[in-house]
């Protein structure tokens, strides 16, 4: 990215100002990137844990497979999912507050005894599955934000800050050269005037 500038004091001041802003902002962005990286790692570990939990619950479900033919799955229904929003390193992510399941009335005496176990198992499966989906959504949001932040860190570190520093160097060098030329031309002019003066006097 080429930085546009002019060889004058105003341009120098603007570029120095932009350079200071980026140099000041870089550590903040780096710490945000680190925080996001840690959160992504934690969330991924949580997702793996929930995945294992879900698999073990499904294994429990499969152990009662023969009985599930008699079971009425409409007895357990997901009624509501209560959400909140939490900011993690400046990124808004959904947080699962509560999952409300409704168990419809059924004949306690006419249904098999294991129905209670089946309902309990289905409730566990539903809660774990919903929690897992939320954690995966959170991972997606955090991962996206981390990538954007990493891009910004790289842009500042590898492109903009060196570019502004180079522009400042070029402007200062140009202004110094201009000043030296001006001084040299003044000396030459003075010497010429002095020589003329001496010639006129003789």
Protein backbone atom coordinates (compact mmCIF):
# COMPACT_ATOMS: atom_id res chain seq x y z
CA UNK A 1 0.00 0.00 0.00
CA UNK A 2 1.61 3.21 -1.18
CA UNK A 3 1.08 6.13 1.17
CA UNK A 4 0.28 9.38 -0.59
CA UNK A 5 2.09 12.42 0.71
CA UNK A 6 3.55 15.73 -0.30
CA UNK A 7 6.99 17.08 0.49
CA UNK A 8 5.92 19.78 2.97
CA UNK A 9 5.47 20.40 6.70
CA UNK A 10 1.68 19.98 6.66
CA UNK A 11 1.93 16.55 5.04
CA UNK A 12 4.72 15.61 7.47
CA UNK A 13 2.55 16.58 10.47
CA UNK A 14 -0.44 14.58 9.13
CA UNK A 15 1.65 11.49 8.49
CA UNK A 16 3.37 11.72 11.90
CA UNK A 17 -0.07 12.02 13.52
CA UNK A 18 -1.38 8.92 11.67
CA UNK A 19 1.80 7.03 12.56
CA UNK A 20 1.39 7.89 16.28
CA UNK A 21 -2.23 6.69 16.22
CA UNK A 22 -1.24 3.35 14.71
CA UNK A 23 1.74 2.86 17.02
CA UNK A 24 -0.52 3.59 20.03
CA UNK A 25 -3.34 1.35 18.75
CA UNK A 26 -1.20 -1.66 17.80
CA UNK A 27 -0.68 -3.03 21.38
CA UNK A 28 -4.44 -2.73 22.04
CA UNK A 29 -5.29 -4.68 18.88
CA UNK A 30 -2.63 -7.27 19.72
CA UNK A 31 -4.08 -7.82 23.19
CA UNK A 32 -7.58 -8.11 21.67
CA UNK A 33 -6.25 -10.73 19.24
CA UNK A 34 -4.66 -12.68 22.13
CA UNK A 35 -7.89 -12.53 24.16
CA UNK A 36 -9.90 -13.74 21.15
CA UNK A 37 -7.42 -16.54 20.47
CA UNK A 38 -7.77 -17.74 24.10
CA UNK A 39 -11.59 -17.53 23.94
CA UNK A 40 -11.70 -19.44 20.64
CA UNK A 41 -9.53 -22.18 22.15
CA UNK A 42 -11.74 -22.39 25.28
CA UNK A 43 -14.93 -22.46 23.20
CA UNK A 44 -13.56 -25.17 20.91
CA UNK A 45 -12.64 -27.29 23.95
CA UNK A 46 -16.15 -26.72 25.33
CA UNK A 47 -17.66 -27.80 21.97
CA UNK A 48 -15.56 -31.01 21.98
CA UNK A 49 -16.67 -31.73 25.56
CA UNK A 50 -20.34 -31.23 24.62
CA UNK A 51 -19.87 -33.41 21.52
CA UNK A 52 -18.53 -36.25 23.71
CA UNK A 53 -21.36 -35.75 26.19
CA UNK A 54 -23.89 -35.90 23.35
CA UNK A 55 -22.29 -39.09 21.98
CA UNK A 56 -22.43 -40.75 25.42
CA UNK A 57 -26.09 -39.74 25.81
CA UNK A 58 -26.86 -41.14 22.34
CA UNK A 59 -25.08 -44.36 23.36
CA UNK A 60 -27.41 -44.48 26.40
CA UNK A 61 -30.35 -43.95 24.07
CA UNK A 62 -29.17 -46.82 21.84
CA UNK A 63 -28.93 -49.18 24.80
CA UNK A 64 -32.69 -48.80 25.22
CA UNK A 65 -33.28 -48.98 21.46
CA UNK A 66 -35.74 -51.87 21.56
CA UNK A 67 -37.96 -49.98 24.00
CA UNK A 68 -38.05 -46.72 22.05
CA UNK A 69 -40.59 -48.19 19.62
CA UNK A 70 -43.18 -47.95 22.41
CA UNK A 71 -42.16 -44.44 23.46
CA UNK A 72 -44.06 -41.34 22.35
CA UNK A 73 -41.35 -38.74 21.47
CA UNK A 74 -43.93 -35.92 21.30
CA UNK A 75 -44.11 -36.08 25.12
CA UNK A 76 -41.00 -33.88 25.37
CA UNK A 77 -41.07 -30.57 23.52
CA UNK A 78 -38.60 -27.68 23.38
CA UNK A 79 -40.63 -24.66 24.52
CA UNK A 80 -38.13 -21.83 24.82
CA UNK A 81 -34.48 -20.96 24.67
CA UNK A 82 -33.51 -17.95 26.78
CA UNK A 83 -30.59 -15.97 25.43
CA UNK A 84 -28.38 -13.15 26.54
CA UNK A 85 -25.63 -11.28 24.77
CA UNK A 86 -22.15 -11.07 26.22
CA UNK A 87 -19.18 -9.09 24.96
CA UNK A 88 -15.93 -11.02 24.73
CA UNK A 89 -12.99 -8.80 23.74
CA UNK A 90 -15.42 -6.39 22.09
CA UNK A 91 -17.31 -9.11 20.18
CA UNK A 92 -21.00 -9.66 20.90
CA UNK A 93 -21.76 -13.37 21.29
CA UNK A 94 -24.98 -15.15 22.26
CA UNK A 95 -25.04 -16.80 25.65
CA UNK A 96 -27.47 -19.54 26.56
CA UNK A 97 -29.22 -18.70 29.82
CA UNK A 98 -31.86 -21.40 29.98
CA UNK A 99 -33.58 -24.09 27.95
CA UNK A 100 -37.21 -24.72 28.76
CA UNK A 101 -38.60 -28.12 27.87
CA UNK A 102 -42.19 -29.12 28.36
CA UNK A 103 -43.20 -32.63 29.29
CA UNK A 104 -46.80 -33.31 28.25
CA UNK A 105 -49.01 -35.22 30.65
CA UNK A 106 -49.15 -38.98 30.13
CA UNK A 107 -50.77 -41.87 31.93
CA UNK A 108 -48.38 -42.69 34.75
CA UNK A 109 -50.07 -46.02 35.51
CA UNK A 110 -50.84 -47.02 31.90
CA UNK A 111 -47.33 -46.21 30.55
CA UNK A 112 -44.26 -48.41 31.11
CA UNK A 113 -42.11 -47.63 34.16
CA UNK A 114 -39.09 -46.76 32.01
CA UNK A 115 -40.95 -43.75 30.47
CA UNK A 116 -39.52 -41.52 33.20
CA UNK A 117 -36.00 -42.64 32.25
CA UNK A 118 -36.82 -42.03 28.59
CA UNK A 119 -38.10 -38.51 29.33
CA UNK A 120 -35.02 -37.77 31.43
CA UNK A 121 -32.75 -39.05 28.64
CA UNK A 122 -34.55 -37.00 25.97
CA UNK A 123 -34.34 -33.85 28.12
CA UNK A 124 -30.60 -34.39 28.53
CA UNK A 125 -30.13 -34.97 24.79
CA UNK A 126 -32.11 -31.84 23.88
CA UNK A 127 -30.24 -29.62 26.34
CA UNK A 128 -26.81 -30.89 25.30
CA UNK A 129 -27.65 -30.55 21.58
CA UNK A 130 -28.87 -26.94 22.01
CA UNK A 131 -25.85 -26.02 24.18
CA UNK A 132 -23.52 -27.51 21.56
CA UNK A 133 -25.16 -25.48 18.77
CA UNK A 134 -24.71 -22.30 20.79
CA UNK A 135 -21.07 -23.03 21.51
CA UNK A 136 -20.43 -23.72 17.81
CA UNK A 137 -22.14 -20.43 16.87
CA UNK A 138 -19.97 -18.67 19.47
CA UNK A 139 -16.82 -20.31 18.04
CA UNK A 140 -17.81 -19.11 14.56
CA UNK A 141 -18.32 -15.51 15.68
CA UNK A 142 -15.13 -15.42 17.75
CA UNK A 143 -13.06 -17.09 15.02
CA UNK A 144 -14.30 -14.55 12.45
CA UNK A 145 -13.48 -11.63 14.79
CA UNK A 146 -10.04 -13.12 15.54
CA UNK A 147 -9.22 -13.43 11.83
CA UNK A 148 -10.26 -9.81 11.23
CA UNK A 149 -8.17 -8.65 14.20
CA UNK A 150 -5.14 -10.66 13.00
CA UNK A 151 -5.51 -9.05 9.56
CA UNK A 152 -5.57 -5.61 11.20
CA UNK A 153 -2.48 -6.39 13.31
CA UNK A 154 -0.64 -7.55 10.16
CA UNK A 155 -1.80 -4.48 8.23
CA UNK A 156 -0.53 -2.14 10.96
CA UNK A 157 2.72 -4.05 11.67
CA UNK A 158 3.79 -5.03 8.17
CA UNK A 159 2.27 -2.35 5.92
CA UNK A 160 1.03 0.89 7.45
CA UNK A 161 3.54 1.60 10.25
CA UNK A 162 6.61 0.87 8.05
CA UNK A 163 4.96 2.82 5.20
CA UNK A 164 4.34 5.89 7.36
CA UNK A 165 7.86 5.66 8.84
CA UNK A 166 9.32 5.55 5.33
CA UNK A 167 7.17 8.53 4.25
CA UNK A 168 8.34 10.55 7.29
CA UNK A 169 11.97 9.69 6.46
CA UNK A 170 11.55 10.75 2.81
CA UNK A 171 9.84 14.04 3.67
CA UNK A 172 12.43 14.92 6.33
CA UNK A 173 15.29 14.05 3.98
CA UNK A 174 13.73 16.13 1.20
CA UNK A 175 13.20 19.09 3.54
CA UNK A 176 16.78 18.83 4.85
CA UNK A 177 18.12 18.70 1.28
CA UNK A 178 15.96 21.69 0.37
CA UNK A 179 17.24 23.60 3.41
CA UNK A 180 20.87 22.70 2.57
CA UNK A 181 20.35 23.80 -1.03
CA UNK A 182 18.79 27.03 0.16
CA UNK A 183 21.74 27.69 2.50
CA UNK A 184 24.23 26.79 -0.24
CA UNK A 185 22.53 29.05 -2.77
CA UNK A 186 22.48 31.87 -0.19
CA UNK A 187 26.24 31.40 0.38
CA UNK A 188 26.90 31.38 -3.38
CA UNK A 189 24.72 34.47 -3.84
CA UNK A 190 26.50 36.22 -0.97
CA UNK A 191 29.91 35.28 -2.41
CA UNK A 192 28.85 36.61 -5.85
CA UNK A 193 27.60 39.86 -4.31
CA UNK A 194 30.83 40.19 -2.34
CA UNK A 195 32.89 39.59 -5.51
CA UNK A 196 30.89 42.19 -7.45
CA UNK A 197 31.28 44.65 -4.63
CA UNK A 198 35.05 44.10 -4.58
CA UNK A 199 35.23 44.48 -8.38
CA UNK A 200 33.27 47.75 -8.23
CA UNK A 201 35.55 49.12 -5.54
CA UNK A 202 38.75 48.38 -7.48
